[in-house]
Amino acid sequence: MSSSRPAVAARAGLAAAALLVLAALPGCSNLDEAAAAGVTPNDLVADLAGQLAGSTDLTYEATYQLTGGVTGTIAQVRRPAGTAYVYPDGKLLVTSSATTSCSTGTKPATCTMTAPATPTSPPPATAFHAAGAAGLPAPPVVQTMLNHAVLDPEVDIEQRDTTIAGRHATCVTLRSADGSDDFDTCITNEGVLGSFTGLLGQKRVDVAMTHYAEQISADTFTMPAGARISDRRVQPSVQPSGAQTPSR
């Protein structure tokens, strides 16, 4: 994982450098002219997807303004690796010991623990459905959307730079031929989701990062106090005491 990040950073750096060159040239103001610098719009979208995928070595906590004026949080730690998603009426913890989904809209809260994610077996897309339904897009979901856009020859792409919560970010607006998959997203230079506007499932959301910190709040990776816990992880079989392994 660490070996892929330099390559991603290098590609992103080349794309950013090309954009700076274009900005300095008279009349070069959009991605239609990026080919002159050897960078296509699809290259830039692929680089943003790569930045999201390559940001797993960061430790950070980001607060987001969600649709309807509520807030959500995405936090990540390196050692031990883990990601937390906190959203209205719910919480998702993805760690090396379990994938834990909590419903906090009832008292007491309820949490279900399932098998942990691994580098070769990431959480299924369904793990992020509750967060998406609450209006918080998980970075892996946005990464998948960007990768799909790269493969669409008819998608229209517009690029811009901005600053979100004090972090420089590159943004893309993607429009499909029929308008059904249009979305806009910004990714910070570090590879953190800065904003997202578009459909999550059947719900249109508008999300923007309002605060970024490199320290994690004490309760971010803990289950709600008093929560009822259902542990559905497959437990290793325990050989009865005194039993012997048959010889071969």
C-alpha atoms as a PDB file:
ATOM      1  CA  MET A   1       0.000   0.000   0.000  1.00  0.00           C
ATOM      2  CA  SER A   2       2.811   2.404   0.867  1.00  0.00           C
ATOM      3  CA  SER A   3       4.569   1.665  -2.432  1.00  0.00           C
ATOM      4  CA  SER A   4       1.532   2.753  -4.465  1.00  0.00           C
ATOM      5  CA  ARG A   5       1.213   6.142  -2.815  1.00  0.00           C
ATOM      6  CA  PRO A   6       4.416   7.640  -4.321  1.00  0.00           C
ATOM      7  CA  ALA A   7       3.211   6.622  -7.775  1.00  0.00           C
ATOM      8  CA  VAL A   8      -0.200   8.173  -7.168  1.00  0.00           C
ATOM      9  CA  ALA A   9       1.399  11.320  -5.793  1.00  0.00           C
ATOM     10  CA  ALA A  10       3.712  11.511  -8.786  1.00  0.00           C
ATOM     11  CA  ARG A  11       0.826  11.241 -11.248  1.00  0.00           C
ATOM     12  CA  ALA A  12      -1.179  13.810  -9.320  1.00  0.00           C
ATOM     13  CA  GLY A  13       1.846  16.108  -9.253  1.00  0.00           C
ATOM     14  CA  LEU A  14       2.284  15.855 -13.006  1.00  0.00           C
ATOM     15  CA  ALA A  15      -1.393  16.582 -13.550  1.00  0.00           C
ATOM     16  CA  ALA A  16      -1.268  19.579 -11.223  1.00  0.00           C
ATOM     17  CA  ALA A  17       1.879  20.887 -12.902  1.00  0.00           C
ATOM     18  CA  ALA A  18       0.234  20.587 -16.292  1.00  0.00           C
ATOM     19  CA  LEU A  19      -2.740  22.574 -15.070  1.00  0.00           C
ATOM     20  CA  LEU A  20      -0.444  25.316 -13.790  1.00  0.00           C
ATOM     21  CA  VAL A  21       1.175  25.516 -17.212  1.00  0.00           C
ATOM     22  CA  LEU A  22      -2.218  25.744 -18.854  1.00  0.00           C
ATOM     23  CA  ALA A  23      -3.328  28.472 -16.479  1.00  0.00           C
ATOM     24  CA  ALA A  24      -0.327  30.548 -17.488  1.00  0.00           C
ATOM     25  CA  LEU A  25      -1.047  30.254 -21.204  1.00  0.00           C
ATOM     26  CA  PRO A  26      -3.362  32.775 -22.901  1.00  0.00           C
ATOM     27  CA  GLY A  27      -6.734  31.223 -23.644  1.00  0.00           C
ATOM     28  CA  CYS A  28      -6.044  28.017 -21.708  1.00  0.00           C
ATOM     29  CA  SER A  29      -8.851  28.010 -19.190  1.00  0.00           C
ATOM     30  CA  ASN A  30     -10.533  24.602 -19.328  1.00  0.00           C
ATOM     31  CA  LEU A  31      -9.887  20.914 -19.644  1.00  0.00           C
ATOM     32  CA  ASP A  32     -10.552  20.850 -23.377  1.00  0.00           C
ATOM     33  CA  GLU A  33      -7.082  22.350 -23.831  1.00  0.00           C
ATOM     34  CA  ALA A  34      -5.390  20.056 -21.314  1.00  0.00           C
ATOM     35  CA  ALA A  35      -4.393  17.641 -24.063  1.00  0.00           C
ATOM     36  CA  ALA A  36      -1.799  20.207 -25.129  1.00  0.00           C
ATOM     37  CA  ALA A  37       0.056  19.365 -21.937  1.00  0.00           C
ATOM     38  CA  GLY A  38      -0.453  15.627 -22.333  1.00  0.00           C
ATOM     39  CA  VAL A  39      -3.121  15.418 -19.623  1.00  0.00           C
ATOM     40  CA  THR A  40      -6.659  14.377 -20.502  1.00  0.00           C
ATOM     41  CA  PRO A  41      -9.741  15.075 -18.365  1.00  0.00           C
ATOM     42  CA  ASN A  42     -10.018  11.351 -17.685  1.00  0.00           C
ATOM     43  CA  ASP A  43      -6.418  11.347 -16.428  1.00  0.00           C
ATOM     44  CA  LEU A  44      -7.322  13.992 -13.865  1.00  0.00           C
ATOM     45  CA  VAL A  45     -10.394  12.081 -12.700  1.00  0.00           C
ATOM     46  CA  ALA A  46      -8.329   8.889 -12.413  1.00  0.00           C
ATOM     47  CA  ASP A  47      -5.721  10.774 -10.384  1.00  0.00           C
ATOM     48  CA  LEU A  48      -8.377  12.040  -7.970  1.00  0.00           C
ATOM     49  CA  ALA A  49      -9.664   8.494  -7.511  1.00  0.00           C
ATOM     50  CA  GLY A  50      -6.075   7.408  -6.893  1.00  0.00           C
ATOM     51  CA  GLN A  51      -5.572  10.156  -4.319  1.00  0.00           C
ATOM     52  CA  LEU A  52      -8.617   8.947  -2.390  1.00  0.00           C
ATOM     53  CA  ALA A  53      -7.373   5.359  -2.525  1.00  0.00           C
ATOM     54  CA  GLY A  54      -3.834   6.361  -1.572  1.00  0.00           C
ATOM     55  CA  SER A  55      -4.729   8.421   1.501  1.00  0.00           C
ATOM     56  CA  THR A  56      -4.979   5.441   3.835  1.00  0.00           C
ATOM     57  CA  ASP A  57      -1.707   6.327   5.575  1.00  0.00           C
ATOM     58  CA  LEU A  58      -3.180   9.581   6.909  1.00  0.00           C
ATOM     59  CA  THR A  59      -4.426  10.229  10.432  1.00  0.00           C
ATOM     60  CA  TYR A  60      -7.164  12.840  10.413  1.00  0.00           C
ATOM     61  CA  GLU A  61     -10.661  13.795  11.510  1.00  0.00           C
ATOM     62  CA  ALA A  62     -12.896  15.782   9.158  1.00  0.00           C
ATOM     63  CA  THR A  63     -16.244  17.352   9.999  1.00  0.00           C
ATOM     64  CA  TYR A  64     -18.820  17.793   7.242  1.00  0.00           C
ATOM     65  CA  GLN A  65     -21.911  19.927   6.809  1.00  0.00           C
ATOM     66  CA  LEU A  66     -24.607  17.629   5.449  1.00  0.00           C
ATOM     67  CA  THR A  67     -27.871  18.335   3.680  1.00  0.00           C
ATOM     68  CA  GLY A  68     -30.420  19.751   6.102  1.00  0.00           C
ATOM     69  CA  GLY A  69     -27.882  21.518   8.323  1.00  0.00           C
ATOM     70  CA  VAL A  70     -26.750  18.436  10.259  1.00  0.00           C
ATOM     71  CA  THR A  71     -23.129  17.324  10.567  1.00  0.00           C
ATOM     72  CA  GLY A  72     -21.135  14.159  10.021  1.00  0.00           C
ATOM     73  CA  THR A  73     -17.572  13.037  10.680  1.00  0.00           C
ATOM     74  CA  ILE A  74     -15.043  10.884   8.867  1.00  0.00           C
ATOM     75  CA  ALA A  75     -11.938   9.952  10.844  1.00  0.00           C
ATOM     76  CA  GLN A  76      -8.985   7.743  10.063  1.00  0.00           C
ATOM     77  CA  VAL A  77      -6.017   6.405  12.007  1.00  0.00           C
ATOM     78  CA  ARG A  78      -2.917   4.637  10.747  1.00  0.00           C
ATOM     79  CA  ARG A  79      -1.879   2.333  13.593  1.00  0.00           C
ATOM     80  CA  PRO A  80      -3.843   0.286  14.146  1.00  0.00           C
ATOM     81  CA  ALA A  81      -5.543   1.073  10.861  1.00  0.00           C
ATOM     82  CA  GLY A  82      -9.154   2.133  11.161  1.00  0.00           C
ATOM     83  CA  THR A  83     -11.811   4.440   9.757  1.00  0.00           C
ATOM     84  CA  ALA A  84     -14.863   5.855  11.515  1.00  0.00           C
ATOM     85  CA  TYR A  85     -17.992   7.355   9.990  1.00  0.00           C
ATOM     86  CA  VAL A  86     -20.302   9.262  12.329  1.00  0.00           C
ATOM     87  CA  TYR A  87     -23.605  10.479  10.913  1.00  0.00           C
ATOM     88  CA  PRO A  88     -27.140  11.304  12.116  1.00  0.00           C
ATOM     89  CA  ASP A  89     -28.554   8.268  13.942  1.00  0.00           C
ATOM     90  CA  GLY A  90     -25.593   6.064  13.125  1.00  0.00           C
ATOM     91  CA  LYS A  91     -21.930   5.165  13.298  1.00  0.00           C
ATOM     92  CA  LEU A  92     -19.697   2.815  11.296  1.00  0.00           C
ATOM     93  CA  LEU A  93     -16.314   1.628  12.556  1.00  0.00           C
ATOM     94  CA  VAL A  94     -14.014  -0.208  10.150  1.00  0.00           C
ATOM     95  CA  THR A  95     -11.029  -1.610  12.042  1.00  0.00           C
ATOM     96  CA  SER A  96      -8.708  -4.595  11.989  1.00  0.00           C
ATOM     97  CA  SER A  97     -10.834  -6.326  14.634  1.00  0.00           C
ATOM     98  CA  ALA A  98     -14.329  -5.827  13.198  1.00  0.00           C
ATOM     99  CA  THR A  99     -16.631  -3.873  10.946  1.00  0.00           C
ATOM    100  CA  THR A 100     -19.120  -2.410  13.407  1.00  0.00           C
ATOM    101  CA  SER A 101     -22.357  -0.754  12.346  1.00  0.00           C
ATOM    102  CA  CYS A 102     -24.294   1.116  15.039  1.00  0.00           C
ATOM    103  CA  SER A 103     -27.792   2.563  15.057  1.00  0.00           C
ATOM    104  CA  THR A 104     -27.833   5.467  17.504  1.00  0.00           C
ATOM    105  CA  GLY A 105     -31.337   6.762  16.837  1.00  0.00           C
ATOM    106  CA  THR A 106     -32.802   4.518  19.536  1.00  0.00           C
ATOM    107  CA  LYS A 107     -32.053   4.117  23.230  1.00  0.00           C
ATOM    108  CA  PRO A 108     -30.099   2.063  23.883  1.00  0.00           C
ATOM    109  CA  ALA A 109     -28.100   2.134  20.680  1.00  0.00           C
ATOM    110  CA  THR A 110     -27.557  -1.162  18.875  1.00  0.00           C
ATOM    111  CA  CYS A 111     -24.310  -2.267  17.236  1.00  0.00           C
ATOM    112  CA  THR A 112     -23.597  -5.233  14.971  1.00  0.00           C
ATOM    113  CA  MET A 113     -20.044  -6.515  14.612  1.00  0.00           C
ATOM    114  CA  THR A 114     -19.093  -8.448  11.478  1.00  0.00           C
ATOM    115  CA  ALA A 115     -15.833  -9.730  10.013  1.00  0.00           C
ATOM    116  CA  PRO A 116     -13.044  -7.150   9.819  1.00  0.00           C
ATOM    117  CA  ALA A 117     -11.889  -5.700   6.550  1.00  0.00           C
ATOM    118  CA  THR A 118      -8.506  -6.674   5.155  1.00  0.00           C
ATOM    119  CA  PRO A 119      -6.332  -5.218   2.373  1.00  0.00           C
ATOM    120  CA  THR A 120      -7.595  -7.956   0.060  1.00  0.00           C
ATOM    121  CA  SER A 121     -11.179  -7.962   1.375  1.00  0.00           C
ATOM    122  CA  PRO A 122     -12.451  -4.401   1.921  1.00  0.00           C
ATOM    123  CA  PRO A 123     -15.887  -3.727   3.411  1.00  0.00           C
ATOM    124  CA  PRO A 124     -18.732  -4.456   0.985  1.00  0.00           C
ATOM    125  CA  ALA A 125     -20.546  -1.509  -0.549  1.00  0.00           C
ATOM    126  CA  THR A 126     -23.570  -2.349   1.591  1.00  0.00           C
ATOM    127  CA  ALA A 127     -21.581  -1.419   4.702  1.00  0.00           C
ATOM    128  CA  PHE A 128     -21.797   2.237   3.656  1.00  0.00           C
ATOM    129  CA  HIS A 129     -25.514   2.296   2.807  1.00  0.00           C
ATOM    130  CA  ALA A 130     -26.647   3.685   6.166  1.00  0.00           C
ATOM    131  CA  ALA A 131     -24.077   6.484   6.036  1.00  0.00           C
ATOM    132  CA  GLY A 132     -25.123   7.319   2.483  1.00  0.00           C
ATOM    133  CA  ALA A 133     -28.810   7.296   3.422  1.00  0.00           C
ATOM    134  CA  ALA A 134     -27.974   9.797   6.172  1.00  0.00           C
ATOM    135  CA  GLY A 135     -26.214  12.014   3.626  1.00  0.00           C
ATOM    136  CA  LEU A 136     -22.565  11.185   4.376  1.00  0.00           C
ATOM    137  CA  PRO A 137     -20.678   9.816   1.329  1.00  0.00           C
ATOM    138  CA  ALA A 138     -17.908   7.388   2.220  1.00  0.00           C
ATOM    139  CA  PRO A 139     -14.661   8.011   0.290  1.00  0.00           C
ATOM    140  CA  PRO A 140     -14.672   4.440  -1.151  1.00  0.00           C
ATOM    141  CA  VAL A 141     -18.111   5.164  -2.630  1.00  0.00           C
ATOM    142  CA  VAL A 142     -16.897   8.407  -4.226  1.00  0.00           C
ATOM    143  CA  GLN A 143     -13.775   6.620  -5.463  1.00  0.00           C
ATOM    144  CA  THR A 144     -15.955   4.020  -7.200  1.00  0.00           C
ATOM    145  CA  MET A 145     -18.028   6.760  -8.830  1.00  0.00           C
ATOM    146  CA  LEU A 146     -14.874   8.472 -10.120  1.00  0.00           C
ATOM    147  CA  ASN A 147     -13.532   5.192 -11.501  1.00  0.00           C
ATOM    148  CA  HIS A 148     -16.820   4.548 -13.301  1.00  0.00           C
ATOM    149  CA  ALA A 149     -16.691   8.044 -14.804  1.00  0.00           C
ATOM    150  CA  VAL A 150     -13.208   7.360 -16.185  1.00  0.00           C
ATOM    151  CA  LEU A 151     -14.645   4.449 -18.163  1.00  0.00           C
ATOM    152  CA  ASP A 152     -17.533   6.478 -19.602  1.00  0.00           C
ATOM    153  CA  PRO A 153     -16.470   7.933 -22.991  1.00  0.00           C
ATOM    154  CA  GLU A 154     -19.466  10.283 -23.049  1.00  0.00           C
ATOM    155  CA  VAL A 155     -18.998  11.914 -19.653  1.00  0.00           C
ATOM    156  CA  ASP A 156     -18.359  15.669 -19.688  1.00  0.00           C
ATOM    157  CA  ILE A 157     -15.731  16.841 -17.195  1.00  0.00           C
ATOM    158  CA  GLU A 158     -15.030  20.300 -15.811  1.00  0.00           C
ATOM    159  CA  GLN A 159     -12.176  21.020 -13.408  1.00  0.00           C
ATOM    160  CA  ARG A 160     -11.481  23.815 -10.935  1.00  0.00           C
ATOM    161  CA  ASP A 161      -9.336  24.497  -7.875  1.00  0.00           C
ATOM    162  CA  THR A 162     -10.614  25.778  -4.543  1.00  0.00           C
ATOM    163  CA  THR A 163      -9.921  25.889  -0.806  1.00  0.00           C
ATOM    164  CA  ILE A 164     -12.092  23.920   1.620  1.00  0.00           C
ATOM    165  CA  ALA A 165     -11.663  24.205   5.391  1.00  0.00           C
ATOM    166  CA  GLY A 166      -8.245  25.726   4.766  1.00  0.00           C
ATOM    167  CA  ARG A 167      -7.077  22.859   2.534  1.00  0.00           C
ATOM    168  CA  HIS A 168      -6.301  23.221  -1.156  1.00  0.00           C
ATOM    169  CA  ALA A 169      -8.539  20.965  -3.236  1.00  0.00           C
ATOM    170  CA  THR A 170      -9.058  19.942  -6.844  1.00  0.00           C
ATOM    171  CA  CYS A 171     -12.685  19.676  -7.936  1.00  0.00           C
ATOM    172  CA  VAL A 172     -14.399  18.026 -10.874  1.00  0.00           C
ATOM    173  CA  THR A 173     -17.941  18.289 -12.159  1.00  0.00           C
ATOM    174  CA  LEU A 174     -18.983  15.208 -14.117  1.00  0.00           C
ATOM    175  CA  ARG A 175     -22.061  15.133 -16.353  1.00  0.00           C
ATOM    176  CA  SER A 176     -23.283  11.942 -17.992  1.00  0.00           C
ATOM    177  CA  ALA A 177     -25.051  11.878 -21.337  1.00  0.00           C
ATOM    178  CA  ASP A 178     -28.504  11.393 -19.796  1.00  0.00           C
ATOM    179  CA  GLY A 179     -27.854  13.424 -16.643  1.00  0.00           C
ATOM    180  CA  SER A 180     -28.635  10.523 -14.336  1.00  0.00           C
ATOM    181  CA  ASP A 181     -25.136  10.199 -12.888  1.00  0.00           C
ATOM    182  CA  ASP A 182     -24.092  13.853 -12.617  1.00  0.00           C
ATOM    183  CA  PHE A 183     -22.036  14.758  -9.563  1.00  0.00           C
ATOM    184  CA  ASP A 184     -19.447  17.218  -8.318  1.00  0.00           C
ATOM    185  CA  THR A 185     -16.667  16.409  -5.880  1.00  0.00           C
ATOM    186  CA  CYS A 186     -13.540  18.028  -4.456  1.00  0.00           C
ATOM    187  CA  ILE A 187     -10.509  16.122  -3.173  1.00  0.00           C
ATOM    188  CA  THR A 188      -7.852  17.839  -1.072  1.00  0.00           C
ATOM    189  CA  ASN A 189      -4.166  17.607  -1.902  1.00  0.00           C
ATOM    190  CA  GLU A 190      -3.823  15.085   0.933  1.00  0.00           C
ATOM    191  CA  GLY A 191      -6.437  12.827  -0.659  1.00  0.00           C
ATOM    192  CA  VAL A 192      -9.286  13.654   1.742  1.00  0.00           C
ATOM    193  CA  LEU A 193     -12.860  14.087   0.549  1.00  0.00           C
ATOM    194  CA  GLY A 194     -13.532  17.825   0.556  1.00  0.00           C
ATOM    195  CA  SER A 195     -17.057  17.987  -0.831  1.00  0.00           C
ATOM    196  CA  PHE A 196     -19.662  16.046  -2.758  1.00  0.00           C
ATOM    197  CA  THR A 197     -22.865  17.031  -4.522  1.00  0.00           C
ATOM    198  CA  GLY A 198     -24.919  14.388  -6.288  1.00  0.00           C
ATOM    199  CA  LEU A 199     -27.036  11.291  -5.816  1.00  0.00           C
ATOM    200  CA  LEU A 200     -26.313   8.731  -3.114  1.00  0.00           C
ATOM    201  CA  GLY A 201     -28.689   5.916  -3.886  1.00  0.00           C
ATOM    202  CA  GLN A 202     -31.919   7.758  -4.635  1.00  0.00           C
ATOM    203  CA  LYS A 203     -31.131  10.739  -2.410  1.00  0.00           C
ATOM    204  CA  ARG A 204     -29.499  13.958  -3.566  1.00  0.00           C
ATOM    205  CA  VAL A 205     -26.936  15.250  -1.088  1.00  0.00           C
ATOM    206  CA  ASP A 206     -24.776  18.331  -0.734  1.00  0.00           C
ATOM    207  CA  VAL A 207     -21.781  17.815   1.547  1.00  0.00           C
ATOM    208  CA  ALA A 208     -18.831  20.074   2.380  1.00  0.00           C
ATOM    209  CA  MET A 209     -15.962  19.732   4.842  1.00  0.00           C
ATOM    210  CA  THR A 210     -16.007  22.460   7.491  1.00  0.00           C
ATOM    211  CA  HIS A 211     -13.141  21.381   9.752  1.00  0.00           C
ATOM    212  CA  TYR A 212      -9.982  19.300   9.378  1.00  0.00           C
ATOM    213  CA  ALA A 213      -7.703  18.146  12.188  1.00  0.00           C
ATOM    214  CA  GLU A 214      -4.804  15.737  12.513  1.00  0.00           C
ATOM    215  CA  GLN A 215      -5.940  14.666  15.986  1.00  0.00           C
ATOM    216  CA  ILE A 216      -8.789  12.250  16.672  1.00  0.00           C
ATOM    217  CA  SER A 217     -11.479  12.897  19.277  1.00  0.00           C
ATOM    218  CA  ALA A 218     -11.383  10.451  22.176  1.00  0.00           C
ATOM    219  CA  ASP A 219     -14.803   8.907  21.528  1.00  0.00           C
ATOM    220  CA  THR A 220     -14.637   8.681  17.736  1.00  0.00           C
ATOM    221  CA  PHE A 221     -13.607   5.018  17.637  1.00  0.00           C
ATOM    222  CA  THR A 222     -15.718   3.836  20.569  1.00  0.00           C
ATOM    223  CA  MET A 223     -19.162   2.288  20.451  1.00  0.00           C
ATOM    224  CA  PRO A 224     -21.982   4.299  22.054  1.00  0.00           C
ATOM    225  CA  ALA A 225     -22.175   3.898  25.823  1.00  0.00           C
ATOM    226  CA  GLY A 226     -24.648   1.217  26.860  1.00  0.00           C
ATOM    227  CA  ALA A 227     -25.123  -0.068  23.322  1.00  0.00           C
ATOM    228  CA  ARG A 228     -26.568  -3.518  22.775  1.00  0.00           C
ATOM    229  CA  ILE A 229     -23.932  -5.439  20.830  1.00  0.00           C
ATOM    230  CA  SER A 230     -24.504  -8.325  18.439  1.00  0.00           C
ATOM    231  CA  ASP A 231     -21.223 -10.027  17.550  1.00  0.00           C
ATOM    232  CA  ARG A 232     -21.644 -11.878  14.255  1.00  0.00           C
ATOM    233  CA  ARG A 233     -17.986 -12.456  13.569  1.00  0.00           C
ATOM    234  CA  VAL A 234     -17.060 -16.046  12.822  1.00  0.00           C
ATOM    235  CA  GLN A 235     -15.259 -17.317  15.878  1.00  0.00           C
ATOM    236  CA  PRO A 236     -12.348 -19.742  15.399  1.00  0.00           C
ATOM    237  CA  SER A 237     -13.231 -23.285  16.333  1.00  0.00           C
ATOM    238  CA  VAL A 238     -11.812 -24.403  19.659  1.00  0.00           C
ATOM    239  CA  GLN A 239     -10.656 -27.990  19.965  1.00  0.00           C
ATOM    240  CA  PRO A 240     -12.119 -29.706  23.064  1.00  0.00           C
ATOM    241  CA  SER A 241      -9.720 -30.120  25.953  1.00  0.00           C
ATOM    242  CA  GLY A 242      -7.788 -33.360  25.710  1.00  0.00           C
ATOM    243  CA  ALA A 243      -8.631 -33.933  22.066  1.00  0.00           C
ATOM    244  CA  GLN A 244      -5.808 -34.891  19.795  1.00  0.00           C
ATOM    245  CA  THR A 245      -5.220 -34.136  16.165  1.00  0.00           C
ATOM    246  CA  PRO A 246      -5.442 -37.349  14.137  1.00  0.00           C
ATOM    247  CA  SER A 247      -2.096 -38.469  12.804  1.00  0.00           C
ATOM    248  CA  ARG A 248      -1.635 -38.760   9.061  1.00  0.00           C
END
